C-alpha atoms as a PDB file:
ATOM      1  CA  GLN A   1      -1.010  17.146  -7.824  1.00  0.00           C
ATOM      2  CA  VAL A   2       0.889  14.269  -6.296  1.00  0.00           C
ATOM      3  CA  GLN A   3       2.378  11.633  -8.543  1.00  0.00           C
ATOM      4  CA  LEU A   4       2.750   8.185  -6.993  1.00  0.00           C
ATOM      5  CA  ALA A   5       4.793   5.287  -8.342  1.00  0.00           C
ATOM      6  CA  GLU A   6       4.859   1.833  -6.781  1.00  0.00           C
ATOM      7  CA  SER A   7       7.740  -0.596  -7.102  1.00  0.00           C
ATOM      8  CA  GLY A   8       8.888  -3.863  -5.612  1.00  0.00           C
ATOM      9  CA  GLY A   9       6.215  -6.254  -6.785  1.00  0.00           C
ATOM     10  CA  GLY A  10       7.008  -9.706  -8.071  1.00  0.00           C
ATOM     11  CA  LEU A  11       6.593 -13.425  -7.617  1.00  0.00           C
ATOM     12  CA  VAL A  12       7.143 -15.020  -4.211  1.00  0.00           C
ATOM     13  CA  GLN A  13       6.386 -18.387  -2.667  1.00  0.00           C
ATOM     14  CA  ALA A  14       3.800 -18.762   0.058  1.00  0.00           C
ATOM     15  CA  GLY A  15       5.289 -17.993   3.419  1.00  0.00           C
ATOM     16  CA  GLY A  16       7.800 -15.604   1.924  1.00  0.00           C
ATOM     17  CA  SER A  17       8.224 -11.860   2.221  1.00  0.00           C
ATOM     18  CA  LEU A  18       8.146  -8.927  -0.144  1.00  0.00           C
ATOM     19  CA  GLY A  19       8.561  -5.193   0.299  1.00  0.00           C
ATOM     20  CA  LEU A  20       6.804  -2.549  -1.758  1.00  0.00           C
ATOM     21  CA  SER A  21       7.715   1.103  -2.097  1.00  0.00           C
ATOM     22  CA  CYS A  22       5.720   4.073  -3.280  1.00  0.00           C
ATOM     23  CA  ALA A  23       7.666   7.131  -4.377  1.00  0.00           C
ATOM     24  CA  ALA A  24       5.843  10.449  -4.336  1.00  0.00           C
ATOM     25  CA  SER A  25       6.572  13.595  -6.280  1.00  0.00           C
ATOM     26  CA  GLY A  26       4.801  16.881  -6.798  1.00  0.00           C
ATOM     27  CA  ARG A  27       2.964  18.369  -3.839  1.00  0.00           C
ATOM     28  CA  THR A  28       4.184  17.844  -0.313  1.00  0.00           C
ATOM     29  CA  PHE A  29       3.999  14.151   0.510  1.00  0.00           C
ATOM     30  CA  SER A  30       3.868  14.862   4.228  1.00  0.00           C
ATOM     31  CA  ASN A  31       0.539  16.661   3.851  1.00  0.00           C
ATOM     32  CA  TYR A  32      -1.319  13.451   3.082  1.00  0.00           C
ATOM     33  CA  ILE A  33      -2.572  10.358   4.814  1.00  0.00           C
ATOM     34  CA  MET A  34      -1.293   7.423   2.791  1.00  0.00           C
ATOM     35  CA  GLY A  35      -2.881   4.069   2.142  1.00  0.00           C
ATOM     36  CA  TRP A  36      -2.299   0.774   0.422  1.00  0.00           C
ATOM     37  CA  PHE A  37      -5.053  -1.015  -1.498  1.00  0.00           C
ATOM     38  CA  ARG A  38      -5.105  -4.150  -3.599  1.00  0.00           C
ATOM     39  CA  GLN A  39      -7.236  -5.598  -6.360  1.00  0.00           C
ATOM     40  CA  ALA A  40      -7.377  -9.243  -7.332  1.00  0.00           C
ATOM     41  CA  PRO A  41      -8.753 -10.350 -10.703  1.00  0.00           C
ATOM     42  CA  GLY A  42     -12.526 -10.162 -10.754  1.00  0.00           C
ATOM     43  CA  LYS A  43     -12.706  -8.486  -7.353  1.00  0.00           C
ATOM     44  CA  GLU A  44     -13.181  -4.966  -6.121  1.00  0.00           C
ATOM     45  CA  ARG A  45     -10.272  -2.896  -4.915  1.00  0.00           C
ATOM     46  CA  GLU A  46      -9.897  -3.421  -1.178  1.00  0.00           C
ATOM     47  CA  PHE A  47      -8.227  -1.600   1.675  1.00  0.00           C
ATOM     48  CA  VAL A  48      -4.980  -3.055   2.974  1.00  0.00           C
ATOM     49  CA  GLY A  49      -3.813  -0.411   5.419  1.00  0.00           C
ATOM     50  CA  ALA A  50      -3.140   3.259   6.023  1.00  0.00           C
ATOM     51  CA  ILE A  51      -0.707   5.485   7.870  1.00  0.00           C
ATOM     52  CA  SER A  52      -1.121   8.912   9.371  1.00  0.00           C
ATOM     53  CA  ILE A  53       0.689  12.016   8.151  1.00  0.00           C
ATOM     54  CA  ARG A  54       3.596  11.727  10.581  1.00  0.00           C
ATOM     55  CA  GLY A  55       3.525   7.950  10.669  1.00  0.00           C
ATOM     56  CA  GLY A  56       2.508   7.644  14.286  1.00  0.00           C
ATOM     57  CA  SER A  57      -0.713   5.800  13.606  1.00  0.00           C
ATOM     58  CA  THR A  58      -1.448   2.855  11.335  1.00  0.00           C
ATOM     59  CA  SER A  59      -4.494   0.759  10.572  1.00  0.00           C
ATOM     60  CA  TYR A  60      -4.859  -2.551   8.754  1.00  0.00           C
ATOM     61  CA  SER A  61      -7.507  -4.793   7.330  1.00  0.00           C
ATOM     62  CA  ASP A  62      -8.232  -7.940   9.304  1.00  0.00           C
ATOM     63  CA  SER A  63      -6.813 -10.076   6.501  1.00  0.00           C
ATOM     64  CA  VAL A  64      -3.305  -8.597   6.740  1.00  0.00           C
ATOM     65  CA  ARG A  65      -3.017  -7.420  10.336  1.00  0.00           C
ATOM     66  CA  GLY A  66       0.000  -8.970  11.994  1.00  0.00           C
ATOM     67  CA  ARG A  67       1.610  -9.873   8.668  1.00  0.00           C
ATOM     68  CA  PHE A  68       1.920  -6.541   6.854  1.00  0.00           C
ATOM     69  CA  THR A  69       3.562  -3.338   8.088  1.00  0.00           C
ATOM     70  CA  ILE A  70       3.131   0.142   6.648  1.00  0.00           C
ATOM     71  CA  SER A  71       5.710   2.847   7.171  1.00  0.00           C
ATOM     72  CA  ARG A  72       6.682   6.145   5.599  1.00  0.00           C
ATOM     73  CA  ASP A  73       9.732   8.339   5.321  1.00  0.00           C
ATOM     74  CA  ASN A  74       8.604  11.900   4.755  1.00  0.00           C
ATOM     75  CA  ALA A  75      12.167  13.079   4.179  1.00  0.00           C
ATOM     76  CA  LYS A  76      12.393  10.672   1.244  1.00  0.00           C
ATOM     77  CA  ASN A  77       8.791  11.143   0.080  1.00  0.00           C
ATOM     78  CA  THR A  78       8.334   7.398   0.206  1.00  0.00           C
ATOM     79  CA  LEU A  79       5.694   5.012   1.526  1.00  0.00           C
ATOM     80  CA  TYR A  80       6.479   1.382   2.279  1.00  0.00           C
ATOM     81  CA  LEU A  81       4.598  -1.871   2.697  1.00  0.00           C
ATOM     82  CA  GLN A  82       6.444  -4.818   4.201  1.00  0.00           C
ATOM     83  CA  MET A  83       4.586  -8.054   3.589  1.00  0.00           C
ATOM     84  CA  ASN A  84       5.493 -11.182   5.552  1.00  0.00           C
ATOM     85  CA  SER A  85       4.004 -14.668   5.723  1.00  0.00           C
ATOM     86  CA  LEU A  86       2.471 -14.161   2.314  1.00  0.00           C
ATOM     87  CA  LYS A  87      -0.437 -16.337   1.217  1.00  0.00           C
ATOM     88  CA  PRO A  88      -1.743 -17.154  -2.282  1.00  0.00           C
ATOM     89  CA  GLU A  89      -4.825 -15.062  -1.483  1.00  0.00           C
ATOM     90  CA  ASP A  90      -2.565 -12.011  -1.172  1.00  0.00           C
ATOM     91  CA  THR A  91      -2.061 -12.167  -4.944  1.00  0.00           C
ATOM     92  CA  ALA A  92      -3.252  -8.870  -6.419  1.00  0.00           C
ATOM     93  CA  VAL A  93      -2.221  -5.583  -7.931  1.00  0.00           C
ATOM     94  CA  TYR A  94      -1.177  -3.326  -5.067  1.00  0.00           C
ATOM     95  CA  TYR A  95      -1.830   0.400  -5.188  1.00  0.00           C
ATOM     96  CA  CYS A  96      -0.647   3.241  -3.012  1.00  0.00           C
ATOM     97  CA  ALA A  97      -2.939   6.203  -2.501  1.00  0.00           C
ATOM     98  CA  GLY A  98      -2.869   9.598  -0.829  1.00  0.00           C
ATOM     99  CA  GLY A  99      -5.669  11.625   0.663  1.00  0.00           C
ATOM    100  CA  ILE A 100      -6.739  14.227   3.165  1.00  0.00           C
ATOM    101  CA  VAL A 101      -9.388  12.201   4.954  1.00  0.00           C
ATOM    102  CA  GLY A 102      -7.941   8.704   4.858  1.00  0.00           C
ATOM    103  CA  GLY A 103      -9.867   5.650   6.003  1.00  0.00           C
ATOM    104  CA  THR A 104     -10.779   2.392   4.316  1.00  0.00           C
ATOM    105  CA  ALA A 105     -12.832   3.639   1.366  1.00  0.00           C
ATOM    106  CA  THR A 106     -11.242   4.174  -2.044  1.00  0.00           C
ATOM    107  CA  GLY A 107     -13.238   7.375  -2.440  1.00  0.00           C
ATOM    108  CA  ALA A 108     -11.399   8.930   0.489  1.00  0.00           C
ATOM    109  CA  TYR A 109      -8.147   9.039  -1.475  1.00  0.00           C
ATOM    110  CA  ILE A 110      -7.327  11.614  -4.122  1.00  0.00           C
ATOM    111  CA  TYR A 111      -4.097  10.391  -5.639  1.00  0.00           C
ATOM    112  CA  TRP A 112      -3.296   6.887  -6.878  1.00  0.00           C
ATOM    113  CA  GLY A 113      -0.307   5.071  -8.260  1.00  0.00           C
ATOM    114  CA  GLN A 114      -0.450   2.799 -11.290  1.00  0.00           C
ATOM    115  CA  GLY A 115      -0.105  -0.375  -9.225  1.00  0.00           C
ATOM    116  CA  THR A 116       2.404  -3.180  -8.945  1.00  0.00           C
ATOM    117  CA  GLN A 117       1.669  -6.888  -9.313  1.00  0.00           C
ATOM    118  CA  VAL A 118       2.272  -9.232  -6.399  1.00  0.00           C
ATOM    119  CA  THR A 119       1.899 -12.939  -7.084  1.00  0.00           C
ATOM    120  CA  VAL A 120       2.153 -15.530  -4.321  1.00  0.00           C
ATOM    121  CA  SER A 121       2.569 -19.111  -5.461  1.00  0.00           C
ATOM    122  CA  SER A 122       1.422 -22.063  -3.373  1.00  0.00           C
END
């Protein structure tokens, strides 16, 4: 089991920045591909981005590419999401997730955090 806990959400104005963290405990964090997802009210949970086990490879959805950056520190068992140039449509609950396969589908991830709310005001 891997326990994941997100932090860093909050309210920010459009154009601003916010950083999220995801602290992992339990099984070895560095064994897993890590991803960020988000879910807006009334919408399905969607892929934001993912990072490889050693952090050398990242992928992003088209909607956040160039604005968001995923990183990880395996020594600290922590995943990060730096969000810049935020837009009102980025408002959602953000989840971190860990899996063996990775990719853009929620079903590819085994472990999930409880989520943290990000609200971007216009």
